[in-house]
N, C-alpha and C. Protein backbone atom coordinates (compact mmCIF):
# COMPACT_ATOMS: atom_id res chain seq x y z
N MET A 1 120.10 -101.72 -6.02
CA MET A 1 119.81 -101.13 -7.26
C MET A 1 119.46 -101.80 -7.96
N ALA A 2 119.79 -103.54 -8.24
CA ALA A 2 119.80 -104.29 -9.60
C ALA A 2 117.54 -104.44 -9.30
N ASP A 3 117.54 -104.92 -7.52
CA ASP A 3 116.01 -104.87 -7.44
C ASP A 3 114.85 -103.68 -7.94
N TYR A 4 115.73 -102.21 -7.44
CA TYR A 4 114.95 -100.61 -8.37
C TYR A 4 114.89 -100.67 -9.27
N GLU A 5 115.85 -101.23 -10.06
CA GLU A 5 115.32 -101.73 -11.50
C GLU A 5 114.57 -102.44 -12.17
N GLU A 6 114.62 -103.74 -11.89
CA GLU A 6 113.66 -104.64 -11.98
C GLU A 6 112.29 -104.22 -11.89
N ALA A 7 112.28 -103.71 -10.68
CA ALA A 7 110.53 -103.11 -10.37
C ALA A 7 110.44 -101.80 -10.98
N PHE A 8 111.13 -100.79 -11.76
CA PHE A 8 111.06 -99.95 -12.98
C PHE A 8 110.97 -100.89 -13.62
N ILE A 9 110.87 -101.52 -14.16
CA ILE A 9 111.16 -102.22 -15.58
C ILE A 9 109.62 -102.61 -15.83
N ALA A 10 109.34 -103.42 -14.03
CA ALA A 10 108.13 -104.37 -14.06
C ALA A 10 106.92 -103.01 -14.10
N SER A 11 106.64 -102.03 -13.58
CA SER A 11 106.14 -100.74 -13.31
C SER A 11 105.84 -100.13 -14.99
N TYR A 12 106.64 -100.10 -15.15
CA TYR A 12 106.32 -99.22 -16.78
C TYR A 12 105.15 -100.09 -17.94
N PRO A 13 104.33 -99.19 -17.95
CA PRO A 13 103.66 -99.52 -19.14
C PRO A 13 104.14 -100.54 -19.96
N SER A 14 103.39 -101.92 -19.88
CA SER A 14 103.42 -103.08 -20.43
C SER A 14 103.24 -102.52 -21.94
N ASP A 15 102.41 -101.74 -22.17
CA ASP A 15 102.41 -101.86 -23.65
C ASP A 15 104.21 -101.35 -25.11
N VAL A 16 104.80 -100.83 -23.52
CA VAL A 16 105.56 -100.52 -24.67
C VAL A 16 106.78 -102.28 -23.87
N PRO A 17 107.93 -102.14 -25.35
CA PRO A 17 108.44 -103.61 -25.50
C PRO A 17 109.38 -103.45 -24.00
N VAL A 18 109.47 -104.96 -23.41
CA VAL A 18 110.31 -105.28 -22.58
C VAL A 18 112.05 -104.15 -23.05
N LYS A 19 112.15 -104.56 -24.03
CA LYS A 19 113.71 -104.14 -24.46
C LYS A 19 113.86 -102.24 -23.82
N GLU A 20 112.87 -101.41 -24.54
CA GLU A 20 112.74 -100.85 -25.00
C GLU A 20 112.98 -99.82 -22.91
N ARG A 21 111.59 -100.92 -22.44
CA ARG A 21 111.77 -100.31 -20.49
C ARG A 21 113.00 -100.59 -20.46
N ALA A 22 113.41 -101.55 -20.39
CA ALA A 22 115.46 -101.91 -19.78
C ALA A 22 116.14 -100.50 -20.18
N LYS A 23 115.72 -100.31 -21.19
CA LYS A 23 117.05 -98.70 -21.96
C LYS A 23 116.41 -98.08 -21.26
N ILE A 24 115.64 -97.42 -20.83
CA ILE A 24 114.75 -96.30 -20.25
C ILE A 24 114.84 -96.16 -19.07
N SER A 25 114.83 -97.56 -18.32
CA SER A 25 115.71 -97.88 -16.64
C SER A 25 116.72 -97.30 -16.49
N SER A 26 117.64 -98.59 -17.45
CA SER A 26 118.50 -98.04 -17.14
C SER A 26 119.42 -96.36 -17.45
N ASN A 27 119.25 -95.45 -18.12
CA ASN A 27 119.57 -94.56 -19.02
C ASN A 27 118.82 -93.59 -17.48
N TRP A 28 117.66 -94.19 -16.64
CA TRP A 28 117.06 -93.40 -15.51
C TRP A 28 118.16 -93.49 -14.31
N ILE A 29 118.19 -94.85 -14.07
CA ILE A 29 118.74 -95.10 -12.89
C ILE A 29 120.50 -94.97 -13.27
N LEU A 30 121.02 -95.41 -13.80
CA LEU A 30 122.69 -95.41 -14.08
C LEU A 30 123.04 -93.64 -13.93
N GLY A 31 121.76 -93.00 -14.98
CA GLY A 31 122.21 -92.08 -15.44
C GLY A 31 122.00 -90.93 -14.10
N GLU A 32 120.79 -90.52 -13.71
CA GLU A 32 120.13 -89.75 -13.13
C GLU A 32 120.20 -89.67 -11.40
N VAL A 33 119.27 -90.80 -11.63
CA VAL A 33 119.24 -91.45 -10.16
C VAL A 33 121.19 -91.63 -9.68
N SER A 34 121.42 -91.94 -10.00
CA SER A 34 122.82 -92.52 -9.81
C SER A 34 123.82 -91.14 -9.82
N ARG A 35 124.27 -90.29 -10.21
CA ARG A 35 124.01 -88.75 -10.24
C ARG A 35 123.51 -88.32 -8.86
N ILE A 36 122.54 -88.58 -8.50
CA ILE A 36 121.82 -87.61 -7.29
C ILE A 36 122.27 -88.73 -5.99
N MET A 37 122.21 -89.73 -5.60
CA MET A 37 122.68 -90.19 -4.92
C MET A 37 124.27 -90.24 -4.73
N ASN A 38 124.93 -89.74 -6.02
CA ASN A 38 126.55 -89.70 -5.32
C ASN A 38 126.85 -87.98 -5.36
N ALA A 39 125.47 -87.49 -5.56
CA ALA A 39 125.61 -85.83 -5.33
C ALA A 39 125.66 -85.88 -3.72
N ASN A 40 124.49 -86.74 -3.10
CA ASN A 40 123.88 -87.03 -1.81
C ASN A 40 124.17 -87.44 -1.03
N THR A 41 125.60 -88.28 -1.70
CA THR A 41 126.18 -89.79 -0.55
C THR A 41 124.97 -90.60 -0.16
N ILE A 42 124.33 -91.37 -0.87
CA ILE A 42 123.51 -91.91 -0.41
C ILE A 42 122.83 -92.61 -1.09
N ASP A 43 122.43 -94.27 -1.12
CA ASP A 43 122.33 -95.22 -1.08
C ASP A 43 120.82 -95.36 -1.90
N ILE A 44 120.45 -96.83 -2.52
CA ILE A 44 119.85 -96.59 -3.16
C ILE A 44 118.34 -96.44 -2.27
N THR A 45 118.07 -97.60 -0.66
CA THR A 45 117.20 -97.48 -0.13
C THR A 45 116.95 -96.19 0.32
N GLU A 46 117.59 -95.07 0.72
CA GLU A 46 117.61 -93.84 1.11
C GLU A 46 116.58 -93.06 0.28
N PHE A 47 117.07 -92.95 -1.02
CA PHE A 47 116.97 -92.52 -2.30
C PHE A 47 115.21 -92.93 -2.70
N SER A 48 115.30 -94.26 -2.58
CA SER A 48 113.99 -94.77 -2.82
C SER A 48 112.63 -94.42 -1.68
N GLY A 49 113.47 -93.93 -0.24
CA GLY A 49 112.77 -93.09 0.40
C GLY A 49 112.14 -92.02 -0.09
N LYS A 50 112.61 -91.45 -1.03
CA LYS A 50 111.36 -90.12 -1.55
C LYS A 50 111.38 -90.31 -2.72
N VAL A 51 111.93 -91.25 -2.97
CA VAL A 51 111.45 -91.43 -4.72
C VAL A 51 110.88 -92.53 -4.98
N SER A 52 109.72 -93.16 -4.72
CA SER A 52 109.48 -94.34 -5.40
C SER A 52 109.63 -94.78 -6.71
N VAL A 53 109.61 -96.15 -7.29
CA VAL A 53 109.39 -96.57 -8.46
C VAL A 53 108.78 -96.07 -9.30
N THR A 54 107.61 -96.18 -8.53
CA THR A 54 106.05 -96.16 -9.67
C THR A 54 106.22 -94.07 -9.68
N GLY A 55 107.07 -93.41 -8.80
CA GLY A 55 107.26 -92.13 -8.67
C GLY A 55 108.49 -92.09 -9.82
N LEU A 56 108.77 -92.99 -10.31
CA LEU A 56 110.51 -92.36 -11.67
C LEU A 56 109.40 -92.63 -12.87
N VAL A 57 108.87 -93.88 -12.37
CA VAL A 57 108.54 -94.48 -13.48
C VAL A 57 107.36 -93.51 -14.32
N ARG A 58 106.50 -92.60 -13.37
CA ARG A 58 105.71 -91.48 -13.73
C ARG A 58 106.56 -90.10 -14.16
N LEU A 59 107.55 -90.41 -14.62
CA LEU A 59 108.23 -88.87 -14.31
C LEU A 59 109.25 -89.19 -15.83
N ALA A 60 109.30 -90.37 -15.65
CA ALA A 60 109.80 -90.95 -17.14
C ALA A 60 108.73 -91.08 -18.70
N GLU A 61 107.50 -91.87 -17.81
CA GLU A 61 106.40 -91.70 -18.87
C GLU A 61 106.33 -90.31 -19.21
N LEU A 62 106.17 -88.70 -18.51
CA LEU A 62 105.65 -87.72 -18.73
C LEU A 62 106.73 -87.11 -19.98
N ASN A 63 107.71 -87.71 -19.49
CA ASN A 63 109.15 -87.25 -20.38
C ASN A 63 109.66 -87.91 -21.78
N SER A 64 108.90 -89.50 -21.84
CA SER A 64 108.37 -90.12 -23.06
C SER A 64 107.53 -89.65 -23.36
N GLN A 65 106.42 -89.23 -22.87
CA GLN A 65 105.46 -88.64 -23.88
C GLN A 65 105.14 -87.17 -24.81
N GLY A 66 106.50 -86.88 -24.01
CA GLY A 66 106.86 -85.62 -24.78
C GLY A 66 105.92 -84.55 -23.56
N LYS A 67 105.28 -84.87 -22.76
CA LYS A 67 104.27 -83.82 -21.67
C LYS A 67 105.94 -83.09 -21.37
N ILE A 68 106.61 -83.57 -20.82
CA ILE A 68 108.42 -82.51 -20.10
C ILE A 68 109.31 -82.85 -21.11
N SER A 69 110.17 -81.95 -20.45
CA SER A 69 111.49 -82.39 -21.91
C SER A 69 112.31 -82.58 -20.44
N SER A 70 113.70 -83.22 -21.24
CA SER A 70 114.66 -84.22 -20.95
C SER A 70 115.07 -83.36 -19.91
N ALA A 71 115.33 -82.09 -20.08
CA ALA A 71 115.86 -80.79 -18.64
C ALA A 71 115.25 -80.78 -17.80
N THR A 72 113.20 -80.71 -17.53
CA THR A 72 112.80 -80.55 -17.25
C THR A 72 112.57 -81.28 -16.29
N ALA A 73 112.37 -82.83 -16.54
CA ALA A 73 112.87 -84.23 -16.02
C ALA A 73 113.26 -84.40 -14.99
N LYS A 74 114.78 -83.67 -15.51
CA LYS A 74 115.59 -84.19 -14.60
C LYS A 74 115.71 -82.76 -13.46
N THR A 75 115.70 -81.78 -13.38
CA THR A 75 115.48 -80.79 -12.61
C THR A 75 113.88 -81.42 -11.67
N MET A 76 113.01 -82.05 -12.17
CA MET A 76 111.80 -82.21 -11.47
C MET A 76 112.31 -83.95 -10.64
N LEU A 77 113.39 -84.84 -11.23
CA LEU A 77 113.74 -85.77 -10.17
C LEU A 77 114.27 -85.43 -8.79
N GLU A 78 115.33 -83.97 -9.11
CA GLU A 78 116.26 -83.29 -8.57
C GLU A 78 114.72 -83.23 -7.10
N GLU A 79 114.39 -82.12 -7.52
CA GLU A 79 113.62 -82.08 -6.40
C GLU A 79 112.00 -82.70 -5.85
N MET A 80 112.06 -83.49 -6.69
CA MET A 80 111.89 -85.05 -6.52
C MET A 80 112.09 -85.56 -4.92
N TYR A 81 112.89 -86.26 -5.30
CA TYR A 81 114.70 -86.06 -3.98
C TYR A 81 114.54 -85.33 -2.65
N ARG A 82 114.27 -83.95 -3.52
CA ARG A 82 114.29 -82.65 -2.30
C ARG A 82 113.32 -82.97 -1.49
N THR A 83 112.14 -82.64 -1.86
CA THR A 83 110.65 -82.69 -1.33
C THR A 83 109.95 -83.35 -1.17
N GLY A 84 110.09 -84.56 -1.88
CA GLY A 84 109.64 -86.06 -1.34
C GLY A 84 108.14 -85.84 -2.58
N LYS A 85 107.70 -84.86 -2.93
CA LYS A 85 106.62 -84.95 -3.80
C LYS A 85 106.34 -85.40 -5.28
N ASP A 86 105.45 -86.25 -5.77
CA ASP A 86 105.67 -86.85 -6.86
C ASP A 86 105.86 -85.69 -8.45
N ALA A 87 105.74 -86.55 -9.18
CA ALA A 87 106.00 -85.60 -10.26
C ALA A 87 104.39 -84.89 -11.10
N ASP A 88 103.53 -85.79 -10.98
CA ASP A 88 102.44 -84.87 -11.14
C ASP A 88 102.19 -83.51 -9.97
N THR A 89 102.57 -83.97 -9.23
CA THR A 89 102.18 -82.50 -7.89
C THR A 89 103.15 -81.24 -8.37
N LEU A 90 104.72 -81.44 -9.04
CA LEU A 90 105.04 -80.67 -9.25
C LEU A 90 105.10 -80.29 -10.65
N LEU A 91 104.22 -81.01 -11.47
CA LEU A 91 104.45 -80.38 -12.82
C LEU A 91 102.96 -79.67 -12.43
N LYS A 92 101.65 -79.98 -11.90
CA LYS A 92 100.52 -78.80 -11.06
C LYS A 92 101.24 -77.60 -10.69
N GLU A 93 102.43 -77.24 -10.02
CA GLU A 93 102.84 -76.64 -9.53
C GLU A 93 103.38 -75.33 -10.14
N GLY A 94 103.64 -75.64 -11.89
CA GLY A 94 104.68 -74.95 -12.01
C GLY A 94 104.70 -75.24 -13.40
N ASP A 95 105.12 -74.39 -14.40
CA ASP A 95 105.47 -73.86 -15.20
C ASP A 95 106.35 -74.63 -15.88
N ARG A 96 105.99 -76.13 -16.45
CA ARG A 96 106.61 -77.14 -16.55
C ARG A 96 106.54 -77.90 -17.74
N THR A 97 105.74 -78.09 -18.26
CA THR A 97 104.58 -78.57 -20.05
C THR A 97 105.81 -77.84 -20.52
N GLN A 98 106.23 -79.11 -21.05
CA GLN A 98 106.95 -79.33 -22.56
C GLN A 98 105.91 -77.92 -24.00
N ILE A 99 106.58 -77.04 -24.45
CA ILE A 99 105.81 -76.80 -25.45
C ILE A 99 106.37 -76.76 -26.94
N SER A 100 105.04 -77.79 -27.14
CA SER A 100 105.16 -78.49 -28.65
C SER A 100 103.42 -77.41 -29.96
N ASP A 101 103.67 -76.45 -29.20
CA ASP A 101 102.49 -76.03 -29.82
C ASP A 101 103.14 -74.88 -30.92
N ALA A 102 103.48 -75.17 -32.14
CA ALA A 102 104.43 -74.36 -33.61
C ALA A 102 104.08 -73.23 -33.42
N SER A 103 102.65 -72.82 -33.19
CA SER A 103 102.50 -71.11 -33.00
C SER A 103 103.42 -70.51 -31.99
N GLN A 104 103.00 -70.89 -30.27
CA GLN A 104 103.91 -70.59 -29.73
C GLN A 104 105.45 -70.66 -29.59
N LEU A 105 106.11 -71.29 -30.33
CA LEU A 105 107.55 -71.51 -30.29
C LEU A 105 107.69 -70.72 -31.76
N GLU A 106 106.98 -70.27 -32.99
CA GLU A 106 107.54 -69.82 -33.92
C GLU A 106 108.00 -67.82 -33.40
N GLU A 107 106.77 -67.70 -32.46
CA GLU A 107 107.32 -66.04 -32.24
C GLU A 107 108.77 -65.90 -31.72
N ALA A 108 108.86 -67.14 -30.56
CA ALA A 108 109.70 -67.03 -30.04
C ALA A 108 111.47 -67.83 -31.20
N VAL A 109 111.46 -68.28 -31.78
CA VAL A 109 112.51 -68.66 -33.03
C VAL A 109 112.56 -67.41 -33.79
N ILE A 110 111.54 -66.59 -34.31
CA ILE A 110 110.98 -65.56 -35.25
C ILE A 110 112.29 -63.95 -33.85
N GLN A 111 112.34 -64.29 -33.02
CA GLN A 111 112.37 -63.41 -31.89
C GLN A 111 114.36 -63.61 -31.50
N ALA A 112 114.37 -65.20 -31.93
CA ALA A 112 116.03 -65.36 -31.65
C ALA A 112 116.72 -64.70 -33.00
N ILE A 113 116.20 -65.11 -34.78
CA ILE A 113 116.45 -64.75 -35.64
C ILE A 113 116.99 -63.51 -35.28
N GLY A 114 115.93 -62.43 -35.58
CA GLY A 114 116.29 -61.09 -35.23
C GLY A 114 117.40 -60.72 -34.26
N ALA A 115 117.02 -61.30 -33.03
CA ALA A 115 118.27 -61.01 -31.96
C ALA A 115 119.87 -61.28 -32.34
N ASN A 116 119.90 -62.00 -33.27
CA ASN A 116 121.06 -62.71 -33.57
C ASN A 116 121.67 -62.12 -34.97
N PRO A 117 121.34 -61.42 -35.37
CA PRO A 117 122.33 -61.13 -36.67
C PRO A 117 123.45 -61.90 -37.03
N ALA A 118 124.14 -62.34 -36.67
CA ALA A 118 125.81 -62.76 -36.59
C ALA A 118 125.23 -64.02 -36.86
N ALA A 119 124.61 -64.94 -35.57
CA ALA A 119 124.49 -66.28 -36.26
C ALA A 119 123.71 -66.74 -37.51
N VAL A 120 122.81 -65.49 -37.80
CA VAL A 120 121.72 -65.75 -38.66
C VAL A 120 122.96 -65.85 -40.34
N ALA A 121 123.91 -64.79 -40.11
CA ALA A 121 125.15 -64.49 -41.02
C ALA A 121 125.88 -65.97 -41.23
N ASP A 122 126.44 -66.30 -39.94
CA ASP A 122 126.91 -67.07 -40.05
C ASP A 122 126.43 -68.34 -40.97
N TYR A 123 124.63 -68.83 -40.55
CA TYR A 123 124.15 -70.41 -40.90
C TYR A 123 124.46 -69.56 -42.88
N ARG A 124 124.08 -68.29 -43.09
CA ARG A 124 124.08 -67.54 -44.82
C ARG A 124 125.10 -68.92 -45.61
N ALA A 125 126.31 -68.32 -44.35
CA ALA A 125 127.67 -68.68 -44.71
C ALA A 125 128.31 -70.65 -44.86
N GLY A 126 126.92 -70.78 -44.69
CA GLY A 126 127.48 -72.50 -44.18
C GLY A 126 127.47 -73.31 -43.21
N LYS A 127 127.52 -72.52 -41.59
CA LYS A 127 127.95 -72.78 -40.45
C LYS A 127 126.52 -73.29 -39.87
N GLU A 128 126.60 -74.41 -40.15
CA GLU A 128 125.34 -75.34 -39.20
C GLU A 128 125.60 -74.92 -37.44
N THR A 129 125.93 -75.07 -37.38
CA THR A 129 126.57 -74.64 -35.47
C THR A 129 125.27 -73.60 -35.07
N ALA A 130 125.24 -72.80 -36.41
CA ALA A 130 124.79 -71.26 -35.95
C ALA A 130 123.02 -71.66 -35.42
N VAL A 131 123.08 -72.85 -36.28
CA VAL A 131 121.71 -72.98 -35.77
C VAL A 131 121.20 -73.82 -34.11
N LYS A 132 122.07 -74.42 -33.91
CA LYS A 132 122.40 -74.74 -32.61
C LYS A 132 122.18 -73.73 -31.76
N PHE A 133 123.15 -72.82 -32.00
CA PHE A 133 123.20 -71.26 -30.98
C PHE A 133 122.19 -71.01 -31.17
N LEU A 134 121.03 -70.36 -32.40
CA LEU A 134 120.34 -70.44 -32.17
C LEU A 134 118.73 -70.74 -31.22
N VAL A 135 118.41 -72.15 -31.90
CA VAL A 135 117.51 -73.31 -31.10
C VAL A 135 118.02 -73.01 -29.22
N GLY A 136 119.49 -72.64 -29.27
CA GLY A 136 119.43 -72.45 -27.80
C GLY A 136 119.29 -71.49 -27.33
N GLN A 137 118.84 -70.34 -27.68
CA GLN A 137 118.62 -68.96 -27.28
C GLN A 137 117.34 -69.17 -27.53
N VAL A 138 116.51 -70.15 -27.73
CA VAL A 138 115.12 -70.26 -27.61
C VAL A 138 114.23 -71.29 -26.28
N MET A 139 115.01 -72.08 -26.31
CA MET A 139 115.70 -73.16 -24.97
C MET A 139 115.80 -72.05 -24.14
N LYS A 140 116.52 -71.11 -23.85
CA LYS A 140 116.75 -70.16 -22.86
C LYS A 140 115.75 -68.98 -22.87
N VAL A 141 115.38 -68.58 -23.82
CA VAL A 141 113.69 -67.97 -23.59
C VAL A 141 112.45 -68.89 -22.63
N THR A 142 112.33 -69.82 -23.54
CA THR A 142 111.93 -70.94 -23.06
C THR A 142 111.97 -71.40 -21.63
N ARG A 143 113.21 -71.12 -21.23
CA ARG A 143 113.53 -72.17 -19.91
C ARG A 143 113.35 -73.41 -19.66
N GLY A 144 113.91 -74.04 -21.04
CA GLY A 144 113.86 -75.34 -21.49
C GLY A 144 112.86 -75.81 -22.02
N ARG A 145 111.41 -75.40 -21.81
CA ARG A 145 110.48 -75.85 -21.99
C ARG A 145 109.89 -75.84 -23.39
N ALA A 146 110.43 -75.52 -24.12
CA ALA A 146 110.37 -75.59 -25.62
C ALA A 146 110.85 -76.94 -26.32
N ASN A 147 110.04 -77.88 -26.71
CA ASN A 147 110.58 -79.07 -27.97
C ASN A 147 111.38 -78.89 -28.25
N PRO A 148 112.52 -79.00 -28.04
CA PRO A 148 114.03 -78.88 -28.91
C PRO A 148 114.06 -79.70 -30.75
N GLN A 149 113.55 -80.39 -30.85
CA GLN A 149 113.19 -81.05 -32.04
C GLN A 149 112.23 -80.04 -33.16
N LEU A 150 111.44 -79.72 -32.25
CA LEU A 150 110.02 -78.85 -33.12
C LEU A 150 111.22 -77.61 -33.65
N VAL A 151 111.81 -76.95 -32.39
CA VAL A 151 112.58 -75.66 -32.32
C VAL A 151 113.59 -75.72 -33.50
N ASN A 152 113.92 -76.80 -33.83
CA ASN A 152 114.99 -77.12 -34.71
C ASN A 152 114.59 -77.50 -36.44
N GLU A 153 113.31 -77.52 -36.29
CA GLU A 153 112.33 -77.66 -37.46
C GLU A 153 112.17 -76.16 -37.98
N LEU A 154 111.40 -75.29 -37.08
CA LEU A 154 111.02 -74.20 -37.25
C LEU A 154 112.34 -73.21 -37.58
N MET A 155 113.22 -73.68 -37.13
CA MET A 155 114.60 -72.84 -37.07
C MET A 155 114.68 -72.62 -38.12
N LYS A 156 115.37 -74.28 -39.06
CA LYS A 156 115.61 -74.27 -40.37
C LYS A 156 114.66 -73.99 -41.05
N LYS A 157 113.65 -74.06 -41.18
CA LYS A 157 112.04 -73.72 -41.95
C LYS A 157 112.56 -71.67 -42.20
N LYS A 158 112.50 -71.41 -40.90
CA LYS A 158 112.64 -69.62 -41.09
C LYS A 158 114.00 -69.53 -41.28
N LEU A 159 114.85 -70.13 -41.30
CA LEU A 159 116.19 -69.79 -41.81
C LEU A 159 116.66 -69.51 -43.01
N GLU A 160 115.98 -70.75 -43.76
CA GLU A 160 115.51 -71.01 -45.05
C GLU A 160 114.97 -69.81 -45.84
N GLU A 161 113.84 -69.33 -45.41
CA GLU A 161 112.87 -68.68 -45.66
C GLU A 161 113.34 -67.06 -45.88
N GLU A 162 114.52 -66.96 -44.95
CA GLU A 162 115.03 -65.64 -44.63
C GLU A 162 116.45 -65.68 -46.26
N ILE A 163 116.45 -66.90 -46.26
CA ILE A 163 117.73 -67.08 -47.33
C ILE A 163 117.22 -67.00 -48.71
N SER A 164 116.01 -67.17 -48.60
CA SER A 164 115.43 -67.12 -50.30
C SER A 164 114.59 -66.10 -50.77
């Protein structure tokens, strides 16, 4: 596993500082790769037979660049392991790119607010957790493709407009 991690760090774009590459590598390999290996009772050799280091690096890059969400990246890693396909192929095959267009997300935010008056009332009453619920509703509608930070910003802005 250490060799796989070292290869990941070496393969990750050199413009990213080594410390950050090590953190990204650790998050992916000790987190998601280990989870898949444990769930399938396999070792790193079997895993790397289906998901090459460069394949995992590409997936991590897509996630770091904001082209896919973390949830989508995790799902894609599972598919990469199951099918042997690379991240770019999976990206082309399905609707997986992250939605970061505010105008597209604004409509989903407005729908979530309109469909959940109790959560809006909770927010007005000072319950900040209501925002998380409403953001979750947008994520559900967009099948996890919405940029969660942008949705959070848009949601707070719309809720403040509702209050004013």
